[in-house]
C-alpha atoms as a PDB file:
ATOM      1  CA  UNK A   1     -58.628  36.277 -10.830  1.00  0.00           C
ATOM      2  CA  UNK A   2     -59.716  33.022 -12.401  1.00  0.00           C
ATOM      3  CA  UNK A   3     -59.159  29.675 -10.765  1.00  0.00           C
ATOM      4  CA  UNK A   4     -59.063  26.464 -12.769  1.00  0.00           C
ATOM      5  CA  UNK A   5     -59.538  23.285 -10.768  1.00  0.00           C
ATOM      6  CA  UNK A   6     -58.888  19.841 -12.177  1.00  0.00           C
ATOM      7  CA  UNK A   7     -58.180  16.270 -11.173  1.00  0.00           C
ATOM      8  CA  UNK A   8     -61.589  15.108 -10.064  1.00  0.00           C
ATOM      9  CA  UNK A   9     -63.097  11.839 -11.159  1.00  0.00           C
ATOM     10  CA  UNK A  10     -64.481   8.491 -10.118  1.00  0.00           C
ATOM     11  CA  UNK A  11     -62.448   6.345  -7.750  1.00  0.00           C
ATOM     12  CA  UNK A  12     -63.109   3.338  -5.563  1.00  0.00           C
ATOM     13  CA  UNK A  13     -63.051   3.595  -1.807  1.00  0.00           C
ATOM     14  CA  UNK A  14     -59.483   3.415  -0.550  1.00  0.00           C
ATOM     15  CA  UNK A  15     -58.136   5.007  -3.706  1.00  0.00           C
ATOM     16  CA  UNK A  16     -56.390   8.313  -4.262  1.00  0.00           C
ATOM     17  CA  UNK A  17     -56.821  11.447  -6.325  1.00  0.00           C
ATOM     18  CA  UNK A  18     -54.812  14.618  -6.671  1.00  0.00           C
ATOM     19  CA  UNK A  19     -56.641  17.868  -7.302  1.00  0.00           C
ATOM     20  CA  UNK A  20     -54.927  20.897  -8.789  1.00  0.00           C
ATOM     21  CA  UNK A  21     -56.015  24.510  -8.894  1.00  0.00           C
ATOM     22  CA  UNK A  22     -54.181  27.141 -10.898  1.00  0.00           C
ATOM     23  CA  UNK A  23     -54.708  30.863 -10.481  1.00  0.00           C
ATOM     24  CA  UNK A  24     -54.641  33.188 -13.448  1.00  0.00           C
ATOM     25  CA  UNK A  25     -52.808  35.842 -11.462  1.00  0.00           C
ATOM     26  CA  UNK A  26     -49.370  35.502  -9.903  1.00  0.00           C
ATOM     27  CA  UNK A  27     -50.325  37.881  -7.084  1.00  0.00           C
ATOM     28  CA  UNK A  28     -52.328  34.981  -5.685  1.00  0.00           C
ATOM     29  CA  UNK A  29     -48.936  33.617  -4.687  1.00  0.00           C
ATOM     30  CA  UNK A  30     -48.996  36.136  -1.824  1.00  0.00           C
ATOM     31  CA  UNK A  31     -52.326  34.908  -0.527  1.00  0.00           C
ATOM     32  CA  UNK A  32     -53.474  31.896   1.369  1.00  0.00           C
ATOM     33  CA  UNK A  33     -55.483  29.327  -0.559  1.00  0.00           C
ATOM     34  CA  UNK A  34     -58.051  26.787   0.461  1.00  0.00           C
ATOM     35  CA  UNK A  35     -60.159  23.844  -0.589  1.00  0.00           C
ATOM     36  CA  UNK A  36     -63.820  23.423   0.200  1.00  0.00           C
ATOM     37  CA  UNK A  37     -66.368  20.830  -0.837  1.00  0.00           C
ATOM     38  CA  UNK A  38     -70.097  20.572  -1.241  1.00  0.00           C
ATOM     39  CA  UNK A  39     -71.987  17.312  -1.301  1.00  0.00           C
ATOM     40  CA  UNK A  40     -75.498  17.057  -2.776  1.00  0.00           C
ATOM     41  CA  UNK A  41     -78.033  18.546  -0.401  1.00  0.00           C
ATOM     42  CA  UNK A  42     -75.387  19.795   2.013  1.00  0.00           C
ATOM     43  CA  UNK A  43     -73.727  23.092   2.728  1.00  0.00           C
ATOM     44  CA  UNK A  44     -70.258  23.912   1.522  1.00  0.00           C
ATOM     45  CA  UNK A  45     -67.664  22.841   4.059  1.00  0.00           C
ATOM     46  CA  UNK A  46     -64.026  23.558   4.684  1.00  0.00           C
ATOM     47  CA  UNK A  47     -61.516  20.882   3.709  1.00  0.00           C
ATOM     48  CA  UNK A  48     -58.005  22.331   3.905  1.00  0.00           C
ATOM     49  CA  UNK A  49     -56.036  25.555   3.623  1.00  0.00           C
ATOM     50  CA  UNK A  50     -52.465  26.678   3.268  1.00  0.00           C
ATOM     51  CA  UNK A  51     -50.646  29.951   3.844  1.00  0.00           C
ATOM     52  CA  UNK A  52     -48.956  32.086   1.237  1.00  0.00           C
ATOM     53  CA  UNK A  53     -45.543  30.542   1.827  1.00  0.00           C
ATOM     54  CA  UNK A  54     -46.697  26.948   2.055  1.00  0.00           C
ATOM     55  CA  UNK A  55     -46.992  26.921   5.832  1.00  0.00           C
ATOM     56  CA  UNK A  56     -49.934  27.067   8.223  1.00  0.00           C
ATOM     57  CA  UNK A  57     -51.631  24.003   6.817  1.00  0.00           C
ATOM     58  CA  UNK A  58     -55.075  23.491   8.279  1.00  0.00           C
ATOM     59  CA  UNK A  59     -57.417  20.534   7.834  1.00  0.00           C
ATOM     60  CA  UNK A  60     -60.929  19.601   8.772  1.00  0.00           C
ATOM     61  CA  UNK A  61     -61.255  16.720  11.202  1.00  0.00           C
ATOM     62  CA  UNK A  62     -62.910  14.669   8.466  1.00  0.00           C
ATOM     63  CA  UNK A  63     -59.811  14.626   6.260  1.00  0.00           C
ATOM     64  CA  UNK A  64     -56.951  15.058   8.736  1.00  0.00           C
ATOM     65  CA  UNK A  65     -54.367  12.357   8.125  1.00  0.00           C
ATOM     66  CA  UNK A  66     -55.754  11.414   4.698  1.00  0.00           C
ATOM     67  CA  UNK A  67     -55.508  14.644   2.696  1.00  0.00           C
ATOM     68  CA  UNK A  68     -52.476  16.861   2.154  1.00  0.00           C
ATOM     69  CA  UNK A  69     -52.548  20.407   0.812  1.00  0.00           C
ATOM     70  CA  UNK A  70     -49.508  21.920  -0.869  1.00  0.00           C
ATOM     71  CA  UNK A  71     -48.683  24.684  -3.280  1.00  0.00           C
ATOM     72  CA  UNK A  72     -46.193  25.727  -5.929  1.00  0.00           C
ATOM     73  CA  UNK A  73     -45.981  29.498  -5.788  1.00  0.00           C
ATOM     74  CA  UNK A  74     -43.981  29.722  -9.005  1.00  0.00           C
ATOM     75  CA  UNK A  75     -46.853  28.007 -10.822  1.00  0.00           C
ATOM     76  CA  UNK A  76     -49.598  29.786  -8.834  1.00  0.00           C
ATOM     77  CA  UNK A  77     -51.006  26.336  -8.187  1.00  0.00           C
ATOM     78  CA  UNK A  78     -52.378  24.649  -5.093  1.00  0.00           C
ATOM     79  CA  UNK A  79     -52.793  20.897  -4.783  1.00  0.00           C
ATOM     80  CA  UNK A  80     -54.914  18.576  -2.700  1.00  0.00           C
ATOM     81  CA  UNK A  81     -53.611  15.026  -2.420  1.00  0.00           C
ATOM     82  CA  UNK A  82     -56.444  12.799  -1.273  1.00  0.00           C
ATOM     83  CA  UNK A  83     -55.635   9.308  -0.031  1.00  0.00           C
ATOM     84  CA  UNK A  84     -57.762   6.555   1.444  1.00  0.00           C
ATOM     85  CA  UNK A  85     -60.864   8.097  -0.047  1.00  0.00           C
ATOM     86  CA  UNK A  86     -64.251   7.230   1.414  1.00  0.00           C
ATOM     87  CA  UNK A  87     -67.729   7.399  -0.120  1.00  0.00           C
ATOM     88  CA  UNK A  88     -68.515  10.323   2.193  1.00  0.00           C
ATOM     89  CA  UNK A  89     -65.777  12.308   0.437  1.00  0.00           C
ATOM     90  CA  UNK A  90     -67.997  12.452  -2.645  1.00  0.00           C
ATOM     91  CA  UNK A  91     -68.596  16.114  -3.446  1.00  0.00           C
ATOM     92  CA  UNK A  92     -67.770  18.976  -5.737  1.00  0.00           C
ATOM     93  CA  UNK A  93     -64.433  20.359  -4.598  1.00  0.00           C
ATOM     94  CA  UNK A  94     -63.731  24.069  -4.873  1.00  0.00           C
ATOM     95  CA  UNK A  95     -60.488  25.958  -4.540  1.00  0.00           C
ATOM     96  CA  UNK A  96     -60.371  29.533  -3.359  1.00  0.00           C
ATOM     97  CA  UNK A  97     -57.942  32.400  -2.837  1.00  0.00           C
ATOM     98  CA  UNK A  98     -57.917  34.092   0.538  1.00  0.00           C
ATOM     99  CA  UNK A  99     -57.996  37.847   1.046  1.00  0.00           C
ATOM    100  CA  UNK A 100     -55.078  37.432   3.421  1.00  0.00           C
ATOM    101  CA  UNK A 101     -51.626  35.901   3.586  1.00  0.00           C
ATOM    102  CA  UNK A 102     -53.041  33.081   5.648  1.00  0.00           C
ATOM    103  CA  UNK A 103     -56.293  31.309   4.887  1.00  0.00           C
ATOM    104  CA  UNK A 104     -58.653  29.571   7.266  1.00  0.00           C
ATOM    105  CA  UNK A 105     -61.964  27.830   7.631  1.00  0.00           C
ATOM    106  CA  UNK A 106     -64.237  30.825   7.195  1.00  0.00           C
ATOM    107  CA  UNK A 107     -65.613  31.247   3.676  1.00  0.00           C
ATOM    108  CA  UNK A 108     -65.712  35.023   4.162  1.00  0.00           C
ATOM    109  CA  UNK A 109     -61.902  34.982   4.233  1.00  0.00           C
ATOM    110  CA  UNK A 110     -61.898  34.071   0.553  1.00  0.00           C
ATOM    111  CA  UNK A 111     -62.198  36.509  -2.318  1.00  0.00           C
ATOM    112  CA  UNK A 112     -62.078  34.276  -5.393  1.00  0.00           C
ATOM    113  CA  UNK A 113     -63.520  30.844  -6.072  1.00  0.00           C
ATOM    114  CA  UNK A 114     -62.963  28.245  -8.765  1.00  0.00           C
ATOM    115  CA  UNK A 115     -65.707  26.454 -10.663  1.00  0.00           C
ATOM    116  CA  UNK A 116     -65.334  23.155  -8.834  1.00  0.00           C
ATOM    117  CA  UNK A 117     -64.329  19.649  -9.795  1.00  0.00           C
ATOM    118  CA  UNK A 118     -66.423  16.573  -9.022  1.00  0.00           C
ATOM    119  CA  UNK A 119     -65.016  13.749  -6.933  1.00  0.00           C
ATOM    120  CA  UNK A 120     -67.057  10.567  -6.735  1.00  0.00           C
ATOM    121  CA  UNK A 121     -65.986   7.732  -4.454  1.00  0.00           C
ATOM    122  CA  UNK A 122     -67.720   4.399  -4.954  1.00  0.00           C
ATOM    123  CA  UNK A 123     -68.053   1.828  -2.212  1.00  0.00           C
END
């Protein structure tokens, strides 16, 4: 399974970006998917996840209320709408496919990872 993430870029604080991640295999439509991020010098951290049918959304406290995860199963694509971006959101964002129907915060739940897309938020 290959995951292609896109949509990153440079944005000013308070702005918005929408990340997309498309899976090469339709069977990923039966699995939960998630977004993680890694800032320079920091460990990878959980951002958001969504279940196989679009339910069971889960967010980190840092992004709750600002980010929204969604998916289009027909397109094998998961999205991350990021609003009111802050400089501390600057990171490489990774999408991943869970081993299970529902994803979560634990990286060991995920079997496949994308290459990452860089989000830079200027102050």
